[in-house]
Structure formats: C-alpha cells, structure tokens
Amino acid sequence: MTLSTTPNIEGKKITQYLGVVTGEAIMGANIFKDLFAGIRDIVGGRSATYEKELQKAKELALQDIKNKAEQLGANAVVGIDLDYETMGANGGMLMVSVSGTAVTLE
C-alpha cells in the first residue's frame, strides 16, 4: 500500500478514485508521563515520552486508513493530511487524525 501526501504518485496512473478514508488515534498520557514531561518543559528540551506517544498515535491512524483503503480495493492513498491536537482539560490526550483519498494505481 502506497501512502502519499501528494495528490498523485510520480510514474503511476490513478485508474480509480474509491473515496475518502479517515483514521484517528487518541492516546492518553498517564500521570507519571505527565509529571516527567512537565519537568522537561520547565528545564527545557524535548519530551521523548510525548514524542513516542505521538509517533505511536500517528502509526495507528495511518494503519487505520490503510485498512479502510484495502477494504475498498485500493492499492494507494493519496493527498494524505495529518492533523495533531491535544484534548482534555489539561491537554492530557493526544489525537492524530489522518485523511486521504483511496485510489487504485496502474
């Protein structure tokens, strides 16, 4: 399954547009991760804990659109858009939403 943020794949011809597919993943961070991420925010630097959670959410959302595209008979998803949001009272939930167009390539 080819995934692309571009509207087409160079050297390939889109033979059929099968529809929009979407995928979402919401990841909660536990109190210990929040505590250590908060300390990291105070002293500066990157929060590896949240980066790992965000990466995991992105992979789950992309897998979701791949599965949905395969169910439609697609062999690619083009025009992929990734959106990242925080949710919850303290922003303790990370959400990744992905959308794209399922297509068949020749």
PDB file of N, CA and C in Angstrom:
ATOM      1  N   MET A   1       0.858  -1.179   0.000  1.00  0.00           N
ATOM      2  CA  MET A   1       0.000   0.000   0.000  1.00  0.00           C
ATOM      3  C   MET A   1       0.899   1.235   0.000  1.00  0.00           C
ATOM      4  N   THR A   2       0.730   2.060  -1.024  1.00  0.00           N
ATOM      5  CA  THR A   2       1.474   3.309  -1.123  1.00  0.00           C
ATOM      6  C   THR A   2       0.688   4.414  -0.427  1.00  0.00           C
ATOM      7  N   LEU A   3       1.361   5.153   0.445  1.00  0.00           N
ATOM      8  CA  LEU A   3       0.758   6.299   1.126  1.00  0.00           C
ATOM      9  C   LEU A   3       1.530   7.542   0.735  1.00  0.00           C
ATOM     10  N   SER A   4       0.800   8.616   0.397  1.00  0.00           N
ATOM     11  CA  SER A   4       1.471   9.830  -0.041  1.00  0.00           C
ATOM     12  C   SER A   4       0.673  11.074   0.341  1.00  0.00           C
ATOM     13  N   THR A   5       1.399  12.118   0.691  1.00  0.00           N
ATOM     14  CA  THR A   5       0.753  13.404   0.956  1.00  0.00           C
ATOM     15  C   THR A   5       0.512  14.169  -0.342  1.00  0.00           C
ATOM     16  N   THR A   6       1.101  13.707  -1.426  1.00  0.00           N
ATOM     17  CA  THR A   6       0.917  14.366  -2.722  1.00  0.00           C
ATOM     18  C   THR A   6      -0.356  13.860  -3.394  1.00  0.00           C
ATOM     19  N   PRO A   7      -0.905  14.627  -4.339  1.00  0.00           N
ATOM     20  CA  PRO A   7      -2.170  14.214  -4.977  1.00  0.00           C
ATOM     21  C   PRO A   7      -2.014  13.078  -5.986  1.00  0.00           C
ATOM     22  N   ASN A   8      -0.788  12.742  -6.357  1.00  0.00           N
ATOM     23  CA  ASN A   8      -0.556  11.635  -7.278  1.00  0.00           C
ATOM     24  C   ASN A   8       0.806  11.031  -6.988  1.00  0.00           C
ATOM     25  N   ILE A   9       1.091   9.920  -7.634  1.00  0.00           N
ATOM     26  CA  ILE A   9       2.365   9.227  -7.453  1.00  0.00           C
ATOM     27  C   ILE A   9       3.116   9.309  -8.773  1.00  0.00           C
ATOM     28  N   GLU A  10       4.303   9.880  -8.741  1.00  0.00           N
ATOM     29  CA  GLU A  10       5.084  10.054  -9.964  1.00  0.00           C
ATOM     30  C   GLU A  10       5.331   8.712 -10.644  1.00  0.00           C
ATOM     31  N   GLY A  11       5.069   8.677 -11.945  1.00  0.00           N
ATOM     32  CA  GLY A  11       5.283   7.471 -12.729  1.00  0.00           C
ATOM     33  C   GLY A  11       4.135   6.477 -12.660  1.00  0.00           C
ATOM     34  N   LYS A  12       3.113   6.775 -11.893  1.00  0.00           N
ATOM     35  CA  LYS A  12       1.946   5.886 -11.760  1.00  0.00           C
ATOM     36  C   LYS A  12       0.702   6.633 -12.226  1.00  0.00           C
ATOM     37  N   LYS A  13      -0.243   5.900 -12.754  1.00  0.00           N
ATOM     38  CA  LYS A  13      -1.500   6.486 -13.208  1.00  0.00           C
ATOM     39  C   LYS A  13      -2.618   6.055 -12.271  1.00  0.00           C
ATOM     40  N   ILE A  14      -3.391   7.018 -11.788  1.00  0.00           N
ATOM     41  CA  ILE A  14      -4.562   6.699 -10.974  1.00  0.00           C
ATOM     42  C   ILE A  14      -5.666   6.252 -11.923  1.00  0.00           C
ATOM     43  N   THR A  15      -6.139   5.019 -11.707  1.00  0.00           N
ATOM     44  CA  THR A  15      -7.177   4.481 -12.582  1.00  0.00           C
ATOM     45  C   THR A  15      -8.564   4.557 -11.963  1.00  0.00           C
ATOM     46  N   GLN A  16      -8.617   4.688 -10.649  1.00  0.00           N
ATOM     47  CA  GLN A  16      -9.922   4.737  -9.993  1.00  0.00           C
ATOM     48  C   GLN A  16      -9.796   5.452  -8.650  1.00  0.00           C
ATOM     49  N   TYR A  17     -10.735   6.361  -8.398  1.00  0.00           N
ATOM     50  CA  TYR A  17     -10.851   7.029  -7.104  1.00  0.00           C
ATOM     51  C   TYR A  17     -11.938   6.304  -6.327  1.00  0.00           C
ATOM     52  N   LEU A  18     -11.599   5.787  -5.162  1.00  0.00           N
ATOM     53  CA  LEU A  18     -12.518   4.950  -4.406  1.00  0.00           C
ATOM     54  C   LEU A  18     -13.164   5.655  -3.219  1.00  0.00           C
ATOM     55  N   GLY A  19     -12.728   6.849  -2.908  1.00  0.00           N
ATOM     56  CA  GLY A  19     -13.347   7.607  -1.822  1.00  0.00           C
ATOM     57  C   GLY A  19     -12.368   8.041  -0.752  1.00  0.00           C
ATOM     58  N   VAL A  20     -12.875   8.887   0.109  1.00  0.00           N
ATOM     59  CA  VAL A  20     -12.086   9.418   1.223  1.00  0.00           C
ATOM     60  C   VAL A  20     -12.025   8.376   2.330  1.00  0.00           C
ATOM     61  N   VAL A  21     -10.832   8.206   2.894  1.00  0.00           N
ATOM     62  CA  VAL A  21     -10.650   7.337   4.053  1.00  0.00           C
ATOM     63  C   VAL A  21     -10.072   8.175   5.189  1.00  0.00           C
ATOM     64  N   THR A  22     -10.481   7.854   6.399  1.00  0.00           N
ATOM     65  CA  THR A  22     -10.002   8.588   7.561  1.00  0.00           C
ATOM     66  C   THR A  22      -9.542   7.617   8.638  1.00  0.00           C
ATOM     67  N   GLY A  23      -8.656   8.092   9.455  1.00  0.00           N
ATOM     68  CA  GLY A  23      -8.186   7.317  10.592  1.00  0.00           C
ATOM     69  C   GLY A  23      -7.902   8.246  11.746  1.00  0.00           C
ATOM     70  N   GLU A  24      -8.194   7.781  12.946  1.00  0.00           N
ATOM     71  CA  GLU A  24      -7.953   8.575  14.132  1.00  0.00           C
ATOM     72  C   GLU A  24      -7.308   7.712  15.201  1.00  0.00           C
ATOM     73  N   ALA A  25      -6.512   8.348  16.023  1.00  0.00           N
ATOM     74  CA  ALA A  25      -5.949   7.673  17.190  1.00  0.00           C
ATOM     75  C   ALA A  25      -5.850   8.700  18.308  1.00  0.00           C
ATOM     76  N   ILE A  26      -6.354   8.327  19.467  1.00  0.00           N
ATOM     77  CA  ILE A  26      -6.284   9.193  20.638  1.00  0.00           C
ATOM     78  C   ILE A  26      -5.518   8.433  21.703  1.00  0.00           C
ATOM     79  N   MET A  27      -4.466   9.060  22.188  1.00  0.00           N
ATOM     80  CA  MET A  27      -3.607   8.425  23.181  1.00  0.00           C
ATOM     81  C   MET A  27      -3.646   9.249  24.463  1.00  0.00           C
ATOM     82  N   GLY A  28      -3.865   8.573  25.570  1.00  0.00           N
ATOM     83  CA  GLY A  28      -3.834   9.237  26.871  1.00  0.00           C
ATOM     84  C   GLY A  28      -2.462   9.083  27.490  1.00  0.00           C
ATOM     85  N   ALA A  29      -2.018  10.118  28.145  1.00  0.00           N
ATOM     86  CA  ALA A  29      -0.740  10.056  28.857  1.00  0.00           C
ATOM     87  C   ALA A  29      -1.049   9.884  30.339  1.00  0.00           C
ATOM     88  N   ASN A  30      -0.324   8.987  30.990  1.00  0.00           N
ATOM     89  CA  ASN A  30      -0.616   8.764  32.404  1.00  0.00           C
ATOM     90  C   ASN A  30       0.070   9.801  33.286  1.00  0.00           C
ATOM     91  N   ILE A  31      -0.227   9.777  34.561  1.00  0.00           N
ATOM     92  CA  ILE A  31       0.259  10.806  35.484  1.00  0.00           C
ATOM     93  C   ILE A  31       1.783  10.848  35.562  1.00  0.00           C
ATOM     94  N   PHE A  32       2.453   9.717  35.482  1.00  0.00           N
ATOM     95  CA  PHE A  32       3.913   9.711  35.562  1.00  0.00           C
ATOM     96  C   PHE A  32       4.536  10.320  34.310  1.00  0.00           C
ATOM     97  N   LYS A  33       3.975   9.992  33.150  1.00  0.00           N
ATOM     98  CA  LYS A  33       4.460  10.599  31.918  1.00  0.00           C
ATOM     99  C   LYS A  33       4.232  12.105  31.957  1.00  0.00           C
ATOM    100  N   ASP A  34       3.055  12.526  32.443  1.00  0.00           N
ATOM    101  CA  ASP A  34       2.754  13.960  32.554  1.00  0.00           C
ATOM    102  C   ASP A  34       3.736  14.656  33.478  1.00  0.00           C
ATOM    103  N   LEU A  35       4.037  14.020  34.607  1.00  0.00           N
ATOM    104  CA  LEU A  35       4.956  14.610  35.582  1.00  0.00           C
ATOM    105  C   LEU A  35       6.335  14.821  34.970  1.00  0.00           C
ATOM    106  N   PHE A  36       6.879  13.790  34.335  1.00  0.00           N
ATOM    107  CA  PHE A  36       8.212  13.903  33.753  1.00  0.00           C
ATOM    108  C   PHE A  36       8.233  14.847  32.551  1.00  0.00           C
ATOM    109  N   ALA A  37       7.160  14.865  31.776  1.00  0.00           N
ATOM    110  CA  ALA A  37       7.073  15.802  30.655  1.00  0.00           C
ATOM    111  C   ALA A  37       7.011  17.231  31.175  1.00  0.00           C
ATOM    112  N   GLY A  38       6.295  17.442  32.301  1.00  0.00           N
ATOM    113  CA  GLY A  38       6.223  18.774  32.907  1.00  0.00           C
ATOM    114  C   GLY A  38       7.578  19.240  33.385  1.00  0.00           C
ATOM    115  N   ILE A  39       8.340  18.348  33.977  1.00  0.00           N
ATOM    116  CA  ILE A  39       9.695  18.697  34.410  1.00  0.00           C
ATOM    117  C   ILE A  39      10.551  19.053  33.203  1.00  0.00           C
ATOM    118  N   ARG A  40      10.427  18.290  32.135  1.00  0.00           N
ATOM    119  CA  ARG A  40      11.172  18.550  30.906  1.00  0.00           C
ATOM    120  C   ARG A  40      10.802  19.925  30.350  1.00  0.00           C
ATOM    121  N   ASP A  41       9.510  20.275  30.426  1.00  0.00           N
ATOM    122  CA  ASP A  41       9.072  21.590  29.952  1.00  0.00           C
ATOM    123  C   ASP A  41       9.719  22.712  30.751  1.00  0.00           C
ATOM    124  N   ILE A  42       9.877  22.515  32.051  1.00  0.00           N
ATOM    125  CA  ILE A  42      10.467  23.546  32.909  1.00  0.00           C
ATOM    126  C   ILE A  42      11.942  23.728  32.609  1.00  0.00           C
ATOM    127  N   VAL A  43      12.678  22.632  32.475  1.00  0.00           N
ATOM    128  CA  VAL A  43      14.128  22.725  32.275  1.00  0.00           C
ATOM    129  C   VAL A  43      14.505  22.842  30.802  1.00  0.00           C
ATOM    130  N   GLY A  44      13.537  22.637  29.936  1.00  0.00           N
ATOM    131  CA  GLY A  44      13.808  22.745  28.500  1.00  0.00           C
ATOM    132  C   GLY A  44      14.175  21.410  27.894  1.00  0.00           C
ATOM    133  N   GLY A  45      14.148  21.357  26.597  1.00  0.00           N
ATOM    134  CA  GLY A  45      14.496  20.127  25.895  1.00  0.00           C
ATOM    135  C   GLY A  45      13.271  19.436  25.338  1.00  0.00           C
ATOM    136  N   ARG A  46      13.524  18.322  24.706  1.00  0.00           N
ATOM    137  CA  ARG A  46      12.464  17.556  24.062  1.00  0.00           C
ATOM    138  C   ARG A  46      11.895  16.546  25.042  1.00  0.00           C
ATOM    139  N   SER A  47      10.626  16.278  24.902  1.00  0.00           N
ATOM    140  CA  SER A  47       9.960  15.281  25.733  1.00  0.00           C
ATOM    141  C   SER A  47       9.860  13.978  24.947  1.00  0.00           C
ATOM    142  N   ALA A  48      10.797  13.087  25.184  1.00  0.00           N
ATOM    143  CA  ALA A  48      10.830  11.815  24.465  1.00  0.00           C
ATOM    144  C   ALA A  48       9.572  11.001  24.738  1.00  0.00           C
ATOM    145  N   THR A  49       9.014  11.120  25.930  1.00  0.00           N
ATOM    146  CA  THR A  49       7.810  10.372  26.284  1.00  0.00           C
ATOM    147  C   THR A  49       6.653  10.760  25.376  1.00  0.00           C
ATOM    148  N   TYR A  50       6.410  12.066  25.249  1.00  0.00           N
ATOM    149  CA  TYR A  50       5.314  12.511  24.396  1.00  0.00           C
ATOM    150  C   TYR A  50       5.616  12.269  22.925  1.00  0.00           C
ATOM    151  N   GLU A  51       6.870  12.386  22.525  1.00  0.00           N
ATOM    152  CA  GLU A  51       7.227  12.107  21.137  1.00  0.00           C
ATOM    153  C   GLU A  51       6.911  10.664  20.780  1.00  0.00           C
ATOM    154  N   LYS A  52       7.187   9.735  21.686  1.00  0.00           N
ATOM    155  CA  LYS A  52       6.880   8.327  21.445  1.00  0.00           C
ATOM    156  C   LYS A  52       5.378   8.101  21.347  1.00  0.00           C
ATOM    157  N   GLU A  53       4.618   8.735  22.224  1.00  0.00           N
ATOM    158  CA  GLU A  53       3.155   8.598  22.180  1.00  0.00           C
ATOM    159  C   GLU A  53       2.591   9.176  20.886  1.00  0.00           C
ATOM    160  N   LEU A  54       3.126  10.320  20.464  1.00  0.00           N
ATOM    161  CA  LEU A  54       2.669  10.950  19.225  1.00  0.00           C
ATOM    162  C   LEU A  54       3.005  10.074  18.023  1.00  0.00           C
ATOM    163  N   GLN A  55       4.193   9.502  18.005  1.00  0.00           N
ATOM    164  CA  GLN A  55       4.603   8.595  16.919  1.00  0.00           C
ATOM    165  C   GLN A  55       3.692   7.370  16.874  1.00  0.00           C
ATOM    166  N   LYS A  56       3.393   6.814  18.051  1.00  0.00           N
ATOM    167  CA  LYS A  56       2.514   5.644  18.118  1.00  0.00           C
ATOM    168  C   LYS A  56       1.118   5.992  17.597  1.00  0.00           C
ATOM    169  N   ALA A  57       0.599   7.166  17.981  1.00  0.00           N
ATOM    170  CA  ALA A  57      -0.728   7.596  17.517  1.00  0.00           C
ATOM    171  C   ALA A  57      -0.731   7.784  16.009  1.00  0.00           C
ATOM    172  N   LYS A  58       0.336   8.365  15.463  1.00  0.00           N
ATOM    173  CA  LYS A  58       0.422   8.565  14.013  1.00  0.00           C
ATOM    174  C   LYS A  58       0.430   7.223  13.284  1.00  0.00           C
ATOM    175  N   GLU A  59       1.204   6.276  13.782  1.00  0.00           N
ATOM    176  CA  GLU A  59       1.275   4.955  13.155  1.00  0.00           C
ATOM    177  C   GLU A  59      -0.084   4.245  13.198  1.00  0.00           C
ATOM    178  N   LEU A  60      -0.801   4.371  14.314  1.00  0.00           N
ATOM    179  CA  LEU A  60      -2.117   3.745  14.427  1.00  0.00           C
ATOM    180  C   LEU A  60      -3.115   4.376  13.457  1.00  0.00           C
ATOM    181  N   ALA A  61      -3.099   5.704  13.350  1.00  0.00           N
ATOM    182  CA  ALA A  61      -4.026   6.400  12.445  1.00  0.00           C
ATOM    183  C   ALA A  61      -3.720   6.051  10.990  1.00  0.00           C
ATOM    184  N   LEU A  62      -2.435   5.973  10.627  1.00  0.00           N
ATOM    185  CA  LEU A  62      -2.066   5.598   9.260  1.00  0.00           C
ATOM    186  C   LEU A  62      -2.449   4.150   8.965  1.00  0.00           C
ATOM    187  N   GLN A  63      -2.273   3.275   9.942  1.00  0.00           N
ATOM    188  CA  GLN A  63      -2.680   1.875   9.757  1.00  0.00           C
ATOM    189  C   GLN A  63      -4.190   1.785   9.556  1.00  0.00           C
ATOM    190  N   ASP A  64      -4.921   2.651  10.253  1.00  0.00           N
ATOM    191  CA  ASP A  64      -6.377   2.690  10.123  1.00  0.00           C
ATOM    192  C   ASP A  64      -6.789   3.042   8.692  1.00  0.00           C
ATOM    193  N   ILE A  65      -6.161   4.054   8.082  1.00  0.00           N
ATOM    194  CA  ILE A  65      -6.546   4.404   6.708  1.00  0.00           C
ATOM    195  C   ILE A  65      -6.085   3.340   5.719  1.00  0.00           C
ATOM    196  N   LYS A  66      -4.956   2.699   5.999  1.00  0.00           N
ATOM    197  CA  LYS A  66      -4.521   1.612   5.120  1.00  0.00           C
ATOM    198  C   LYS A  66      -5.544   0.481   5.121  1.00  0.00           C
ATOM    199  N   ASN A  67      -6.017   0.111   6.304  1.00  0.00           N
ATOM    200  CA  ASN A  67      -7.011  -0.965   6.407  1.00  0.00           C
ATOM    201  C   ASN A  67      -8.295  -0.597   5.676  1.00  0.00           C
ATOM    202  N   LYS A  68      -8.771   0.630   5.869  1.00  0.00           N
ATOM    203  CA  LYS A  68     -10.001   1.076   5.221  1.00  0.00           C
ATOM    204  C   LYS A  68      -9.837   1.141   3.704  1.00  0.00           C
ATOM    205  N   ALA A  69      -8.661   1.591   3.242  1.00  0.00           N
ATOM    206  CA  ALA A  69      -8.403   1.660   1.802  1.00  0.00           C
ATOM    207  C   ALA A  69      -8.368   0.254   1.194  1.00  0.00           C
ATOM    208  N   GLU A  70      -7.746  -0.690   1.892  1.00  0.00           N
ATOM    209  CA  GLU A  70      -7.698  -2.072   1.404  1.00  0.00           C
ATOM    210  C   GLU A  70      -9.100  -2.662   1.298  1.00  0.00           C
ATOM    211  N   GLN A  71      -9.976  -2.344   2.252  1.00  0.00           N
ATOM    212  CA  GLN A  71     -11.355  -2.831   2.209  1.00  0.00           C
ATOM    213  C   GLN A  71     -12.095  -2.315   0.978  1.00  0.00           C
ATOM    214  N   LEU A  72     -11.692  -1.137   0.496  1.00  0.00           N
ATOM    215  CA  LEU A  72     -12.309  -0.565  -0.703  1.00  0.00           C
ATOM    216  C   LEU A  72     -11.678  -1.097  -1.990  1.00  0.00           C
ATOM    217  N   GLY A  73     -10.599  -1.864  -1.875  1.00  0.00           N
ATOM    218  CA  GLY A  73      -9.909  -2.400  -3.046  1.00  0.00           C
ATOM    219  C   GLY A  73      -8.803  -1.496  -3.550  1.00  0.00           C
ATOM    220  N   ALA A  74      -8.376  -0.536  -2.756  1.00  0.00           N
ATOM    221  CA  ALA A  74      -7.329   0.405  -3.161  1.00  0.00           C
ATOM    222  C   ALA A  74      -5.941  -0.207  -2.981  1.00  0.00           C
ATOM    223  N   ASN A  75      -4.990   0.332  -3.730  1.00  0.00           N
ATOM    224  CA  ASN A  75      -3.595  -0.046  -3.515  1.00  0.00           C
ATOM    225  C   ASN A  75      -2.745   1.174  -3.161  1.00  0.00           C
ATOM    226  N   ALA A  76      -3.429   2.315  -2.943  1.00  0.00           N
ATOM    227  CA  ALA A  76      -2.718   3.533  -2.533  1.00  0.00           C
ATOM    228  C   ALA A  76      -3.700   4.512  -1.894  1.00  0.00           C
ATOM    229  N   VAL A  77      -3.146   5.415  -1.097  1.00  0.00           N
ATOM    230  CA  VAL A  77      -3.908   6.539  -0.552  1.00  0.00           C
ATOM    231  C   VAL A  77      -3.103   7.791  -0.857  1.00  0.00           C
ATOM    232  N   VAL A  78      -3.712   8.737  -1.541  1.00  0.00           N
ATOM    233  CA  VAL A  78      -3.030   9.972  -1.924  1.00  0.00           C
ATOM    234  C   VAL A  78      -3.683  11.168  -1.221  1.00  0.00           C
ATOM    235  N   GLY A  79      -2.962  12.288  -1.245  1.00  0.00           N
ATOM    236  CA  GLY A  79      -3.478  13.519  -0.652  1.00  0.00           C
ATOM    237  C   GLY A  79      -3.651  13.416   0.852  1.00  0.00           C
ATOM    238  N   ILE A  80      -2.792  12.664   1.500  1.00  0.00           N
ATOM    239  CA  ILE A  80      -2.921  12.450   2.944  1.00  0.00           C
ATOM    240  C   ILE A  80      -2.647  13.745   3.702  1.00  0.00           C
ATOM    241  N   ASP A  81      -3.517  14.007   4.669  1.00  0.00           N
ATOM    242  CA  ASP A  81      -3.375  15.155   5.567  1.00  0.00           C
ATOM    243  C   ASP A  81      -3.347  14.628   6.995  1.00  0.00           C
ATOM    244  N   LEU A  82      -2.342  15.047   7.750  1.00  0.00           N
ATOM    245  CA  LEU A  82      -2.213  14.651   9.158  1.00  0.00           C
ATOM    246  C   LEU A  82      -2.490  15.869  10.028  1.00  0.00           C
ATOM    247  N   ASP A  83      -3.327  15.685  11.032  1.00  0.00           N
ATOM    248  CA  ASP A  83      -3.617  16.751  11.992  1.00  0.00           C
ATOM    249  C   ASP A  83      -3.333  16.242  13.393  1.00  0.00           C
ATOM    250  N   TYR A  84      -2.734  17.110  14.196  1.00  0.00           N
ATOM    251  CA  TYR A  84      -2.398  16.778  15.579  1.00  0.00           C
ATOM    252  C   TYR A  84      -3.127  17.740  16.505  1.00  0.00           C
ATOM    253  N   GLU A  85      -3.724  17.206  17.564  1.00  0.00           N
ATOM    254  CA  GLU A  85      -4.462  18.020  18.529  1.00  0.00           C
ATOM    255  C   GLU A  85      -4.210  17.495  19.937  1.00  0.00           C
ATOM    256  N   THR A  86      -4.371  18.368  20.915  1.00  0.00           N
ATOM    257  CA  THR A  86      -4.416  17.939  22.305  1.00  0.00           C
ATOM    258  C   THR A  86      -5.852  18.080  22.767  1.00  0.00           C
ATOM    259  N   MET A  87      -6.260  17.180  23.633  1.00  0.00           N
ATOM    260  CA  MET A  87      -7.637  17.171  24.113  1.00  0.00           C
ATOM    261  C   MET A  87      -7.632  17.025  25.626  1.00  0.00           C
ATOM    262  N   GLY A  88      -8.762  17.288  26.202  1.00  0.00           N
ATOM    263  CA  GLY A  88      -8.912  17.117  27.642  1.00  0.00           C
ATOM    264  C   GLY A  88      -8.672  18.410  28.384  1.00  0.00           C
ATOM    265  N   ALA A  89      -9.024  18.414  29.657  1.00  0.00           N
ATOM    266  CA  ALA A  89      -8.929  19.611  30.493  1.00  0.00           C
ATOM    267  C   ALA A  89      -7.506  20.165  30.550  1.00  0.00           C
ATOM    268  N   ASN A  90      -6.535  19.300  30.673  1.00  0.00           N
ATOM    269  CA  ASN A  90      -5.135  19.735  30.771  1.00  0.00           C
ATOM    270  C   ASN A  90      -4.344  19.386  29.523  1.00  0.00           C
ATOM    271  N   GLY A  91      -5.030  19.082  28.449  1.00  0.00           N
ATOM    272  CA  GLY A  91      -4.326  18.666  27.237  1.00  0.00           C
ATOM    273  C   GLY A  91      -3.654  17.327  27.406  1.00  0.00           C
ATOM    274  N   GLY A  92      -4.215  16.460  28.273  1.00  0.00           N
ATOM    275  CA  GLY A  92      -3.591  15.190  28.592  1.00  0.00           C
ATOM    276  C   GLY A  92      -3.823  14.095  27.568  1.00  0.00           C
ATOM    277  N   MET A  93      -4.590  14.392  26.526  1.00  0.00           N
ATOM    278  CA  MET A  93      -4.839  13.408  25.477  1.00  0.00           C
ATOM    279  C   MET A  93      -4.262  13.932  24.172  1.00  0.00           C
ATOM    280  N   LEU A  94      -3.612  13.063  23.446  1.00  0.00           N
ATOM    281  CA  LEU A  94      -3.049  13.414  22.143  1.00  0.00           C
ATOM    282  C   LEU A  94      -3.906  12.763  21.070  1.00  0.00           C
ATOM    283  N   MET A  95      -4.303  13.544  20.063  1.00  0.00           N
ATOM    284  CA  MET A  95      -5.108  12.985  18.987  1.00  0.00           C
ATOM    285  C   MET A  95      -4.423  13.240  17.650  1.00  0.00           C
ATOM    286  N   VAL A  96      -4.375  12.204  16.847  1.00  0.00           N
ATOM    287  CA  VAL A  96      -3.886  12.318  15.486  1.00  0.00           C
ATOM    288  C   VAL A  96      -5.025  11.885  14.572  1.00  0.00           C
ATOM    289  N   SER A  97      -5.376  12.747  13.622  1.00  0.00           N
ATOM    290  CA  SER A  97      -6.379  12.363  12.628  1.00  0.00           C
ATOM    291  C   SER A  97      -5.736  12.447  11.256  1.00  0.00           C
ATOM    292  N   VAL A  98      -6.073  11.484  10.425  1.00  0.00           N
ATOM    293  CA  VAL A  98      -5.484  11.354   9.097  1.00  0.00           C
ATOM    294  C   VAL A  98      -6.616  11.178   8.098  1.00  0.00           C
ATOM    295  N   SER A  99      -6.491  11.837   6.948  1.00  0.00           N
ATOM    296  CA  SER A  99      -7.459  11.629   5.881  1.00  0.00           C
ATOM    297  C   SER A  99      -6.740  11.626   4.549  1.00  0.00           C
ATOM    298  N   GLY A 100      -7.326  10.953   3.585  1.00  0.00           N
ATOM    299  CA  GLY A 100      -6.755  10.878   2.253  1.00  0.00           C
ATOM    300  C   GLY A 100      -7.750  10.250   1.310  1.00  0.00           C
ATOM    301  N   THR A 101      -7.358  10.124   0.062  1.00  0.00           N
ATOM    302  CA  THR A 101      -8.218   9.535  -0.968  1.00  0.00           C
ATOM    303  C   THR A 101      -7.680   8.162  -1.351  1.00  0.00           C
ATOM    304  N   ALA A 102      -8.522   7.150  -1.204  1.00  0.00           N
ATOM    305  CA  ALA A 102      -8.164   5.793  -1.602  1.00  0.00           C
ATOM    306  C   ALA A 102      -8.262   5.688  -3.113  1.00  0.00           C
ATOM    307  N   VAL A 103      -7.220   5.148  -3.751  1.00  0.00           N
ATOM    308  CA  VAL A 103      -7.181   5.040  -5.207  1.00  0.00           C
ATOM    309  C   VAL A 103      -6.584   3.704  -5.627  1.00  0.00           C
ATOM    310  N   THR A 104      -6.777   3.370  -6.901  1.00  0.00           N
ATOM    311  CA  THR A 104      -6.030   2.261  -7.474  1.00  0.00           C
ATOM    312  C   THR A 104      -5.042   2.860  -8.478  1.00  0.00           C
ATOM    313  N   LEU A 105      -3.842   2.341  -8.424  1.00  0.00           N
ATOM    314  CA  LEU A 105      -2.770   2.788  -9.303  1.00  0.00           C
ATOM    315  C   LEU A 105      -2.470   1.716 -10.330  1.00  0.00           C
ATOM    316  N   GLU A 106      -2.071   2.168 -11.490  1.00  0.00           N
ATOM    317  CA  GLU A 106      -1.663   1.259 -12.565  1.00  0.00           C
ATOM    318  C   GLU A 106      -0.170   1.323 -12.707  1.00  0.00           C
TER     319      GLU A 106
END
